[in-house]
Protein backbone atom coordinates (compact mmCIF):
# COMPACT_ATOMS: atom_id res chain seq x y z
CA UNK A 1 0.00 0.00 0.00
CA UNK A 2 3.02 2.28 0.11
CA UNK A 3 2.50 3.34 3.72
CA UNK A 4 5.53 4.83 5.42
CA UNK A 5 5.25 5.00 9.22
CA UNK A 6 7.24 7.70 11.02
CA UNK A 7 7.41 7.47 14.81
CA UNK A 8 7.81 10.94 16.32
CA UNK A 9 9.44 10.77 19.74
CA UNK A 10 7.27 12.04 22.60
CA UNK A 11 10.07 14.43 23.61
CA UNK A 12 9.85 16.17 20.24
CA UNK A 13 6.08 16.41 20.59
CA UNK A 14 6.36 17.87 24.11
CA UNK A 15 9.00 20.34 22.88
CA UNK A 16 6.53 21.55 20.26
CA UNK A 17 3.72 21.82 22.82
CA UNK A 18 5.99 23.85 25.10
CA UNK A 19 6.32 26.52 22.40
CA UNK A 20 2.83 27.62 23.55
CA UNK A 21 1.65 28.67 20.10
CA UNK A 22 -1.11 27.62 17.76
CA UNK A 23 -2.27 28.70 14.29
CA UNK A 24 -5.12 31.06 13.62
CA UNK A 25 -7.52 33.05 15.74
CA UNK A 26 -8.87 30.76 18.43
CA UNK A 27 -10.62 33.43 20.50
CA UNK A 28 -13.97 31.62 20.09
CA UNK A 29 -12.46 28.60 21.84
CA UNK A 30 -10.73 30.66 24.53
CA UNK A 31 -13.95 32.54 25.28
CA UNK A 32 -16.16 29.44 25.23
CA UNK A 33 -16.62 29.27 29.00
CA UNK A 34 -14.32 26.27 29.37
CA UNK A 35 -11.46 26.66 31.85
CA UNK A 36 -9.04 28.92 29.96
CA UNK A 37 -5.75 27.19 30.95
CA UNK A 38 -7.23 23.82 29.95
CA UNK A 39 -8.37 25.21 26.60
CA UNK A 40 -5.02 26.90 25.99
CA UNK A 41 -3.18 23.62 26.57
CA UNK A 42 -5.52 21.85 24.14
CA UNK A 43 -4.72 24.54 21.57
CA UNK A 44 -0.98 24.23 22.23
CA UNK A 45 -1.34 20.52 21.45
CA UNK A 46 -3.13 21.52 18.24
CA UNK A 47 -0.28 23.87 17.34
CA UNK A 48 2.30 21.17 18.06
CA UNK A 49 0.53 18.63 15.87
CA UNK A 50 0.10 21.20 13.09
CA UNK A 51 3.83 21.93 13.09
CA UNK A 52 4.77 18.24 13.14
CA UNK A 53 2.41 17.52 10.25
CA UNK A 54 4.11 20.25 8.23
CA UNK A 55 7.63 19.22 9.28
CA UNK A 56 7.16 15.57 8.31
CA UNK A 57 4.64 16.14 5.49
CA UNK A 58 2.17 13.76 7.14
CA UNK A 59 -1.05 12.85 5.37
CA UNK A 60 -2.38 11.07 8.50
CA UNK A 61 -1.56 11.09 12.19
CA UNK A 62 -2.35 9.22 15.39
CA UNK A 63 -1.68 10.33 18.95
CA UNK A 64 -1.00 8.39 22.14
CA UNK A 65 -3.43 10.43 24.19
CA UNK A 66 -2.78 8.70 27.50
CA UNK A 67 0.82 9.91 27.33
CA UNK A 68 -0.53 13.45 27.02
CA UNK A 69 -2.82 12.93 30.01
CA UNK A 70 0.08 12.03 32.27
CA UNK A 71 2.53 14.60 30.86
CA UNK A 72 0.31 17.59 30.07
CA UNK A 73 -2.97 16.76 31.86
CA UNK A 74 -4.83 17.22 28.58
CA UNK A 75 -5.70 15.21 25.47
CA UNK A 76 -5.36 15.50 21.71
CA UNK A 77 -9.13 15.39 21.17
CA UNK A 78 -9.62 19.07 20.25
CA UNK A 79 -6.47 19.07 18.12
CA UNK A 80 -7.53 15.98 16.17
CA UNK A 81 -11.03 17.39 15.68
CA UNK A 82 -9.64 20.69 14.35
CA UNK A 83 -7.22 18.84 12.07
CA UNK A 84 -10.01 16.65 10.75
PDB file of N, CA and C in Angstrom:
ATOM      1  N   UNK A   1       0.806  -1.195   0.000  1.00  0.00           N
ATOM      2  CA  UNK A   1       0.000   0.000   0.000  1.00  0.00           C
ATOM      3  C   UNK A   1       0.850   1.260   0.000  1.00  0.00           C
ATOM      4  N   UNK A   2       2.133   1.115   0.163  1.00  0.00           N
ATOM      5  CA  UNK A   2       3.017   2.277   0.113  1.00  0.00           C
ATOM      6  C   UNK A   2       2.984   3.145   1.357  1.00  0.00           C
ATOM      7  N   UNK A   3       2.570   2.575   2.472  1.00  0.00           N
ATOM      8  CA  UNK A   3       2.497   3.345   3.722  1.00  0.00           C
ATOM      9  C   UNK A   3       3.871   3.406   4.354  1.00  0.00           C
ATOM     10  N   UNK A   4       4.263   4.621   4.735  1.00  0.00           N
ATOM     11  CA  UNK A   4       5.528   4.834   5.424  1.00  0.00           C
ATOM     12  C   UNK A   4       5.198   5.363   6.814  1.00  0.00           C
ATOM     13  N   UNK A   5       5.545   4.605   7.852  1.00  0.00           N
ATOM     14  CA  UNK A   5       5.245   5.004   9.225  1.00  0.00           C
ATOM     15  C   UNK A   5       6.451   5.724   9.815  1.00  0.00           C
ATOM     16  N   UNK A   6       6.203   6.911  10.358  1.00  0.00           N
ATOM     17  CA  UNK A   6       7.243   7.697  11.019  1.00  0.00           C
ATOM     18  C   UNK A   6       6.839   7.852  12.475  1.00  0.00           C
ATOM     19  N   UNK A   7       7.673   7.388  13.382  1.00  0.00           N
ATOM     20  CA  UNK A   7       7.408   7.475  14.809  1.00  0.00           C
ATOM     21  C   UNK A   7       8.085   8.734  15.348  1.00  0.00           C
ATOM     22  N   UNK A   8       7.277   9.707  15.746  1.00  0.00           N
ATOM     23  CA  UNK A   8       7.806  10.941  16.319  1.00  0.00           C
ATOM     24  C   UNK A   8       7.970  10.720  17.819  1.00  0.00           C
ATOM     25  N   UNK A   9       9.153  10.964  18.324  1.00  0.00           N
ATOM     26  CA  UNK A   9       9.444  10.774  19.737  1.00  0.00           C
ATOM     27  C   UNK A   9       8.590  11.719  20.580  1.00  0.00           C
ATOM     28  N   UNK A  10       8.110  11.231  21.721  1.00  0.00           N
ATOM     29  CA  UNK A  10       7.265  12.039  22.599  1.00  0.00           C
ATOM     30  C   UNK A  10       7.996  13.302  23.055  1.00  0.00           C
ATOM     31  N   UNK A  11       9.312  13.238  23.205  1.00  0.00           N
ATOM     32  CA  UNK A  11      10.069  14.428  23.614  1.00  0.00           C
ATOM     33  C   UNK A  11       9.972  15.537  22.569  1.00  0.00           C
ATOM     34  N   UNK A  12       9.998  15.168  21.296  1.00  0.00           N
ATOM     35  CA  UNK A  12       9.850  16.166  20.237  1.00  0.00           C
ATOM     36  C   UNK A  12       8.445  16.774  20.268  1.00  0.00           C
ATOM     37  N   UNK A  13       7.452  15.943  20.498  1.00  0.00           N
ATOM     38  CA  UNK A  13       6.077  16.412  20.586  1.00  0.00           C
ATOM     39  C   UNK A  13       5.915  17.374  21.764  1.00  0.00           C
ATOM     40  N   UNK A  14       6.448  17.016  22.922  1.00  0.00           N
ATOM     41  CA  UNK A  14       6.363  17.872  24.108  1.00  0.00           C
ATOM     42  C   UNK A  14       7.100  19.187  23.876  1.00  0.00           C
ATOM     43  N   UNK A  15       8.243  19.119  23.212  1.00  0.00           N
ATOM     44  CA  UNK A  15       8.996  20.335  22.882  1.00  0.00           C
ATOM     45  C   UNK A  15       8.141  21.282  22.040  1.00  0.00           C
ATOM     46  N   UNK A  16       7.418  20.727  21.092  1.00  0.00           N
ATOM     47  CA  UNK A  16       6.525  21.546  20.260  1.00  0.00           C
ATOM     48  C   UNK A  16       5.377  22.128  21.086  1.00  0.00           C
ATOM     49  N   UNK A  17       4.799  21.330  21.958  1.00  0.00           N
ATOM     50  CA  UNK A  17       3.719  21.819  22.822  1.00  0.00           C
ATOM     51  C   UNK A  17       4.220  22.972  23.685  1.00  0.00           C
ATOM     52  N   UNK A  18       5.426  22.843  24.200  1.00  0.00           N
ATOM     53  CA  UNK A  18       5.992  23.852  25.097  1.00  0.00           C
ATOM     54  C   UNK A  18       6.306  25.181  24.413  1.00  0.00           C
ATOM     55  N   UNK A  19       6.161  25.245  23.109  1.00  0.00           N
ATOM     56  CA  UNK A  19       6.318  26.524  22.400  1.00  0.00           C
ATOM     57  C   UNK A  19       5.126  27.448  22.653  1.00  0.00           C
ATOM     58  N   UNK A  20       4.035  26.865  23.154  1.00  0.00           N
ATOM     59  CA  UNK A  20       2.832  27.621  23.547  1.00  0.00           C
ATOM     60  C   UNK A  20       2.305  28.520  22.434  1.00  0.00           C
ATOM     61  N   UNK A  21       2.227  27.949  21.230  1.00  0.00           N
ATOM     62  CA  UNK A  21       1.654  28.675  20.097  1.00  0.00           C
ATOM     63  C   UNK A  21       0.713  27.747  19.329  1.00  0.00           C
ATOM     64  N   UNK A  22      -0.180  28.364  18.600  1.00  0.00           N
ATOM     65  CA  UNK A  22      -1.112  27.619  17.758  1.00  0.00           C
ATOM     66  C   UNK A  22      -1.526  28.513  16.596  1.00  0.00           C
ATOM     67  N   UNK A  23      -1.928  27.901  15.478  1.00  0.00           N
ATOM     68  CA  UNK A  23      -2.273  28.700  14.294  1.00  0.00           C
ATOM     69  C   UNK A  23      -3.663  29.317  14.405  1.00  0.00           C
ATOM     70  N   UNK A  24      -3.811  30.450  13.783  1.00  0.00           N
ATOM     71  CA  UNK A  24      -5.124  31.062  13.618  1.00  0.00           C
ATOM     72  C   UNK A  24      -5.661  31.765  14.849  1.00  0.00           C
ATOM     73  N   UNK A  25      -6.817  32.356  14.681  1.00  0.00           N
ATOM     74  CA  UNK A  25      -7.517  33.052  15.743  1.00  0.00           C
ATOM     75  C   UNK A  25      -8.419  32.055  16.453  1.00  0.00           C
ATOM     76  N   UNK A  26      -8.106  31.741  17.661  1.00  0.00           N
ATOM     77  CA  UNK A  26      -8.868  30.760  18.428  1.00  0.00           C
ATOM     78  C   UNK A  26      -9.639  31.428  19.564  1.00  0.00           C
ATOM     79  N   UNK A  27      -9.939  32.705  19.429  1.00  0.00           N
ATOM     80  CA  UNK A  27     -10.624  33.431  20.498  1.00  0.00           C
ATOM     81  C   UNK A  27     -11.990  32.825  20.819  1.00  0.00           C
ATOM     82  N   UNK A  28     -12.674  32.258  19.824  1.00  0.00           N
ATOM     83  CA  UNK A  28     -13.965  31.616  20.093  1.00  0.00           C
ATOM     84  C   UNK A  28     -13.801  30.455  21.075  1.00  0.00           C
ATOM     85  N   UNK A  29     -12.713  29.704  20.921  1.00  0.00           N
ATOM     86  CA  UNK A  29     -12.456  28.596  21.836  1.00  0.00           C
ATOM     87  C   UNK A  29     -12.072  29.113  23.219  1.00  0.00           C
ATOM     88  N   UNK A  30     -11.207  30.141  23.247  1.00  0.00           N
ATOM     89  CA  UNK A  30     -10.729  30.660  24.527  1.00  0.00           C
ATOM     90  C   UNK A  30     -11.831  31.355  25.314  1.00  0.00           C
ATOM     91  N   UNK A  31     -12.841  31.846  24.626  1.00  0.00           N
ATOM     92  CA  UNK A  31     -13.955  32.539  25.282  1.00  0.00           C
ATOM     93  C   UNK A  31     -15.202  31.666  25.360  1.00  0.00           C
ATOM     94  N   UNK A  32     -15.027  30.362  25.286  1.00  0.00           N
ATOM     95  CA  UNK A  32     -16.163  29.436  25.227  1.00  0.00           C
ATOM     96  C   UNK A  32     -16.755  29.115  26.594  1.00  0.00           C
ATOM     97  N   UNK A  33     -16.132  29.592  27.657  1.00  0.00           N
ATOM     98  CA  UNK A  33     -16.617  29.275  28.996  1.00  0.00           C
ATOM     99  C   UNK A  33     -15.924  28.082  29.618  1.00  0.00           C
ATOM    100  N   UNK A  34     -15.110  27.390  28.849  1.00  0.00           N
ATOM    101  CA  UNK A  34     -14.315  26.274  29.373  1.00  0.00           C
ATOM    102  C   UNK A  34     -13.097  26.870  30.069  1.00  0.00           C
ATOM    103  N   UNK A  35     -12.642  26.212  31.113  1.00  0.00           N
ATOM    104  CA  UNK A  35     -11.464  26.655  31.852  1.00  0.00           C
ATOM    105  C   UNK A  35     -10.367  27.081  30.881  1.00  0.00           C
ATOM    106  N   UNK A  36      -9.969  28.361  30.952  1.00  0.00           N
ATOM    107  CA  UNK A  36      -9.042  28.917  29.961  1.00  0.00           C
ATOM    108  C   UNK A  36      -7.687  28.194  29.914  1.00  0.00           C
ATOM    109  N   UNK A  37      -7.027  27.910  31.035  1.00  0.00           N
ATOM    110  CA  UNK A  37      -5.747  27.186  30.951  1.00  0.00           C
ATOM    111  C   UNK A  37      -5.887  25.806  30.301  1.00  0.00           C
ATOM    112  N   UNK A  38      -6.994  25.121  30.567  1.00  0.00           N
ATOM    113  CA  UNK A  38      -7.226  23.819  29.948  1.00  0.00           C
ATOM    114  C   UNK A  38      -7.391  23.970  28.442  1.00  0.00           C
ATOM    115  N   UNK A  39      -8.160  24.968  28.034  1.00  0.00           N
ATOM    116  CA  UNK A  39      -8.374  25.205  26.603  1.00  0.00           C
ATOM    117  C   UNK A  39      -7.076  25.628  25.925  1.00  0.00           C
ATOM    118  N   UNK A  40      -6.298  26.483  26.582  1.00  0.00           N
ATOM    119  CA  UNK A  40      -5.024  26.898  25.995  1.00  0.00           C
ATOM    120  C   UNK A  40      -4.112  25.705  25.768  1.00  0.00           C
ATOM    121  N   UNK A  41      -4.040  24.793  26.733  1.00  0.00           N
ATOM    122  CA  UNK A  41      -3.185  23.615  26.565  1.00  0.00           C
ATOM    123  C   UNK A  41      -3.674  22.758  25.406  1.00  0.00           C
ATOM    124  N   UNK A  42      -4.980  22.606  25.269  1.00  0.00           N
ATOM    125  CA  UNK A  42      -5.522  21.848  24.139  1.00  0.00           C
ATOM    126  C   UNK A  42      -5.124  22.504  22.821  1.00  0.00           C
ATOM    127  N   UNK A  43      -5.124  23.830  22.793  1.00  0.00           N
ATOM    128  CA  UNK A  43      -4.720  24.544  21.569  1.00  0.00           C
ATOM    129  C   UNK A  43      -3.219  24.457  21.339  1.00  0.00           C
ATOM    130  N   UNK A  44      -2.430  24.421  22.397  1.00  0.00           N
ATOM    131  CA  UNK A  44      -0.977  24.233  22.235  1.00  0.00           C
ATOM    132  C   UNK A  44      -0.690  22.854  21.630  1.00  0.00           C
ATOM    133  N   UNK A  45      -1.466  21.863  22.031  1.00  0.00           N
ATOM    134  CA  UNK A  45      -1.336  20.525  21.448  1.00  0.00           C
ATOM    135  C   UNK A  45      -1.703  20.579  19.968  1.00  0.00           C
ATOM    136  N   UNK A  46      -2.746  21.314  19.646  1.00  0.00           N
ATOM    137  CA  UNK A  46      -3.132  21.516  18.242  1.00  0.00           C
ATOM    138  C   UNK A  46      -1.991  22.165  17.461  1.00  0.00           C
ATOM    139  N   UNK A  47      -1.395  23.207  18.014  1.00  0.00           N
ATOM    140  CA  UNK A  47      -0.277  23.866  17.339  1.00  0.00           C
ATOM    141  C   UNK A  47       0.892  22.919  17.132  1.00  0.00           C
ATOM    142  N   UNK A  48       1.187  22.126  18.154  1.00  0.00           N
ATOM    143  CA  UNK A  48       2.296  21.172  18.057  1.00  0.00           C
ATOM    144  C   UNK A  48       2.046  20.157  16.950  1.00  0.00           C
ATOM    145  N   UNK A  49       0.843  19.600  16.920  1.00  0.00           N
ATOM    146  CA  UNK A  49       0.528  18.634  15.867  1.00  0.00           C
ATOM    147  C   UNK A  49       0.569  19.279  14.487  1.00  0.00           C
ATOM    148  N   UNK A  50       0.075  20.487  14.377  1.00  0.00           N
ATOM    149  CA  UNK A  50       0.105  21.200  13.089  1.00  0.00           C
ATOM    150  C   UNK A  50       1.529  21.366  12.587  1.00  0.00           C
ATOM    151  N   UNK A  51       2.427  21.745  13.493  1.00  0.00           N
ATOM    152  CA  UNK A  51       3.829  21.927  13.089  1.00  0.00           C
ATOM    153  C   UNK A  51       4.487  20.601  12.714  1.00  0.00           C
ATOM    154  N   UNK A  52       4.195  19.547  13.465  1.00  0.00           N
ATOM    155  CA  UNK A  52       4.775  18.235  13.143  1.00  0.00           C
ATOM    156  C   UNK A  52       4.248  17.706  11.817  1.00  0.00           C
ATOM    157  N   UNK A  53       2.976  17.938  11.540  1.00  0.00           N
ATOM    158  CA  UNK A  53       2.407  17.524  10.252  1.00  0.00           C
ATOM    159  C   UNK A  53       3.134  18.218   9.113  1.00  0.00           C
ATOM    160  N   UNK A  54       3.386  19.497   9.268  1.00  0.00           N
ATOM    161  CA  UNK A  54       4.112  20.254   8.233  1.00  0.00           C
ATOM    162  C   UNK A  54       5.552  19.775   8.127  1.00  0.00           C
ATOM    163  N   UNK A  55       6.214  19.623   9.260  1.00  0.00           N
ATOM    164  CA  UNK A  55       7.628  19.221   9.276  1.00  0.00           C
ATOM    165  C   UNK A  55       7.849  17.886   8.573  1.00  0.00           C
ATOM    166  N   UNK A  56       6.977  16.912   8.850  1.00  0.00           N
ATOM    167  CA  UNK A  56       7.157  15.567   8.306  1.00  0.00           C
ATOM    168  C   UNK A  56       6.292  15.289   7.079  1.00  0.00           C
ATOM    169  N   UNK A  57       5.518  16.280   6.658  1.00  0.00           N
ATOM    170  CA  UNK A  57       4.641  16.140   5.493  1.00  0.00           C
ATOM    171  C   UNK A  57       3.689  14.952   5.662  1.00  0.00           C
ATOM    172  N   UNK A  58       3.095  14.849   6.853  1.00  0.00           N
ATOM    173  CA  UNK A  58       2.166  13.756   7.141  1.00  0.00           C
ATOM    174  C   UNK A  58       0.868  13.937   6.371  1.00  0.00           C
ATOM    175  N   UNK A  59       0.293  12.826   5.949  1.00  0.00           N
ATOM    176  CA  UNK A  59      -1.052  12.852   5.374  1.00  0.00           C
ATOM    177  C   UNK A  59      -2.053  12.208   6.341  1.00  0.00           C
ATOM    178  N   UNK A  60      -1.550  11.634   7.427  1.00  0.00           N
ATOM    179  CA  UNK A  60      -2.381  11.066   8.496  1.00  0.00           C
ATOM    180  C   UNK A  60      -1.564  11.078   9.775  1.00  0.00           C
ATOM    181  N   UNK A  61      -2.269  11.045  10.899  1.00  0.00           N
ATOM    182  CA  UNK A  61      -1.561  11.092  12.187  1.00  0.00           C
ATOM    183  C   UNK A  61      -2.388  10.389  13.252  1.00  0.00           C
ATOM    184  N   UNK A  62      -1.709   9.761  14.198  1.00  0.00           N
ATOM    185  CA  UNK A  62      -2.351   9.222  15.393  1.00  0.00           C
ATOM    186  C   UNK A  62      -1.605   9.779  16.601  1.00  0.00           C
ATOM    187  N   UNK A  63      -2.274   9.769  17.739  1.00  0.00           N
ATOM    188  CA  UNK A  63      -1.684  10.334  18.954  1.00  0.00           C
ATOM    189  C   UNK A  63      -1.901   9.365  20.110  1.00  0.00           C
ATOM    190  N   UNK A  64      -0.877   9.197  20.917  1.00  0.00           N
ATOM    191  CA  UNK A  64      -1.002   8.394  22.137  1.00  0.00           C
ATOM    192  C   UNK A  64      -1.511   9.316  23.246  1.00  0.00           C
ATOM    193  N   UNK A  65      -2.805   9.444  23.298  1.00  0.00           N
ATOM    194  CA  UNK A  65      -3.432  10.435  24.190  1.00  0.00           C
ATOM    195  C   UNK A  65      -3.160  10.194  25.667  1.00  0.00           C
ATOM    196  N   UNK A  66      -3.022   8.937  26.082  1.00  0.00           N
ATOM    197  CA  UNK A  66      -2.780   8.697  27.504  1.00  0.00           C
ATOM    198  C   UNK A  66      -1.418   9.230  27.933  1.00  0.00           C
ATOM    199  N   UNK A  67      -0.457   9.277  27.020  1.00  0.00           N
ATOM    200  CA  UNK A  67       0.823   9.913  27.332  1.00  0.00           C
ATOM    201  C   UNK A  67       0.617  11.400  27.606  1.00  0.00           C
ATOM    202  N   UNK A  68      -0.243  12.031  26.813  1.00  0.00           N
ATOM    203  CA  UNK A  68      -0.533  13.452  27.025  1.00  0.00           C
ATOM    204  C   UNK A  68      -1.231  13.685  28.356  1.00  0.00           C
ATOM    205  N   UNK A  69      -2.122  12.781  28.725  1.00  0.00           N
ATOM    206  CA  UNK A  69      -2.819  12.929  30.006  1.00  0.00           C
ATOM    207  C   UNK A  69      -1.849  12.956  31.173  1.00  0.00           C
ATOM    208  N   UNK A  70      -0.870  12.079  31.152  1.00  0.00           N
ATOM    209  CA  UNK A  70       0.076  12.032  32.268  1.00  0.00           C
ATOM    210  C   UNK A  70       1.107  13.155  32.197  1.00  0.00           C
ATOM    211  N   UNK A  71       1.486  13.575  30.999  1.00  0.00           N
ATOM    212  CA  UNK A  71       2.526  14.597  30.859  1.00  0.00           C
ATOM    213  C   UNK A  71       1.993  16.030  30.841  1.00  0.00           C
ATOM    214  N   UNK A  72       0.840  16.232  30.227  1.00  0.00           N
ATOM    215  CA  UNK A  72       0.305  17.589  30.068  1.00  0.00           C
ATOM    216  C   UNK A  72      -1.088  17.767  30.664  1.00  0.00           C
ATOM    217  N   UNK A  73      -1.633  16.711  31.243  1.00  0.00           N
ATOM    218  CA  UNK A  73      -2.967  16.758  31.859  1.00  0.00           C
ATOM    219  C   UNK A  73      -4.021  17.275  30.879  1.00  0.00           C
ATOM    220  N   UNK A  74      -3.918  16.826  29.656  1.00  0.00           N
ATOM    221  CA  UNK A  74      -4.830  17.216  28.585  1.00  0.00           C
ATOM    222  C   UNK A  74      -4.788  16.123  27.519  1.00  0.00           C
ATOM    223  N   UNK A  75      -5.650  16.231  26.529  1.00  0.00           N
ATOM    224  CA  UNK A  75      -5.697  15.214  25.471  1.00  0.00           C
ATOM    225  C   UNK A  75      -5.517  15.858  24.098  1.00  0.00           C
ATOM    226  N   UNK A  76      -5.450  15.029  23.090  1.00  0.00           N
ATOM    227  CA  UNK A  76      -5.356  15.502  21.711  1.00  0.00           C
ATOM    228  C   UNK A  76      -6.710  15.594  21.032  1.00  0.00           C
ATOM    229  N   UNK A  77      -7.792  15.444  21.780  1.00  0.00           N
ATOM    230  CA  UNK A  77      -9.135  15.395  21.172  1.00  0.00           C
ATOM    231  C   UNK A  77      -9.466  16.648  20.372  1.00  0.00           C
ATOM    232  N   UNK A  78      -9.296  17.823  20.974  1.00  0.00           N
ATOM    233  CA  UNK A  78      -9.619  19.066  20.246  1.00  0.00           C
ATOM    234  C   UNK A  78      -8.703  19.220  19.046  1.00  0.00           C
ATOM    235  N   UNK A  79      -7.422  18.944  19.217  1.00  0.00           N
ATOM    236  CA  UNK A  79      -6.469  19.065  18.119  1.00  0.00           C
ATOM    237  C   UNK A  79      -6.856  18.167  16.948  1.00  0.00           C
ATOM    238  N   UNK A  80      -7.169  16.907  17.241  1.00  0.00           N
ATOM    239  CA  UNK A  80      -7.528  15.981  16.174  1.00  0.00           C
ATOM    240  C   UNK A  80      -8.836  16.400  15.497  1.00  0.00           C
ATOM    241  N   UNK A  81      -9.777  16.917  16.273  1.00  0.00           N
ATOM    242  CA  UNK A  81     -11.034  17.393  15.685  1.00  0.00           C
ATOM    243  C   UNK A  81     -10.788  18.586  14.760  1.00  0.00           C
ATOM    244  N   UNK A  82      -9.953  19.521  15.189  1.00  0.00           N
ATOM    245  CA  UNK A  82      -9.636  20.688  14.348  1.00  0.00           C
ATOM    246  C   UNK A  82      -8.892  20.279  13.084  1.00  0.00           C
ATOM    247  N   UNK A  83      -7.996  19.304  13.215  1.00  0.00           N
ATOM    248  CA  UNK A  83      -7.217  18.843  12.067  1.00  0.00           C
ATOM    249  C   UNK A  83      -8.079  18.046  11.092  1.00  0.00           C
ATOM    250  N   UNK A  84      -9.140  17.436  11.586  1.00  0.00           N
ATOM    251  CA  UNK A  84     -10.009  16.647  10.753  1.00  0.00           C
ATOM    252  C   UNK A  84     -10.730  17.560   9.775  1.00  0.00           C
TER     253      UNK A  84
END
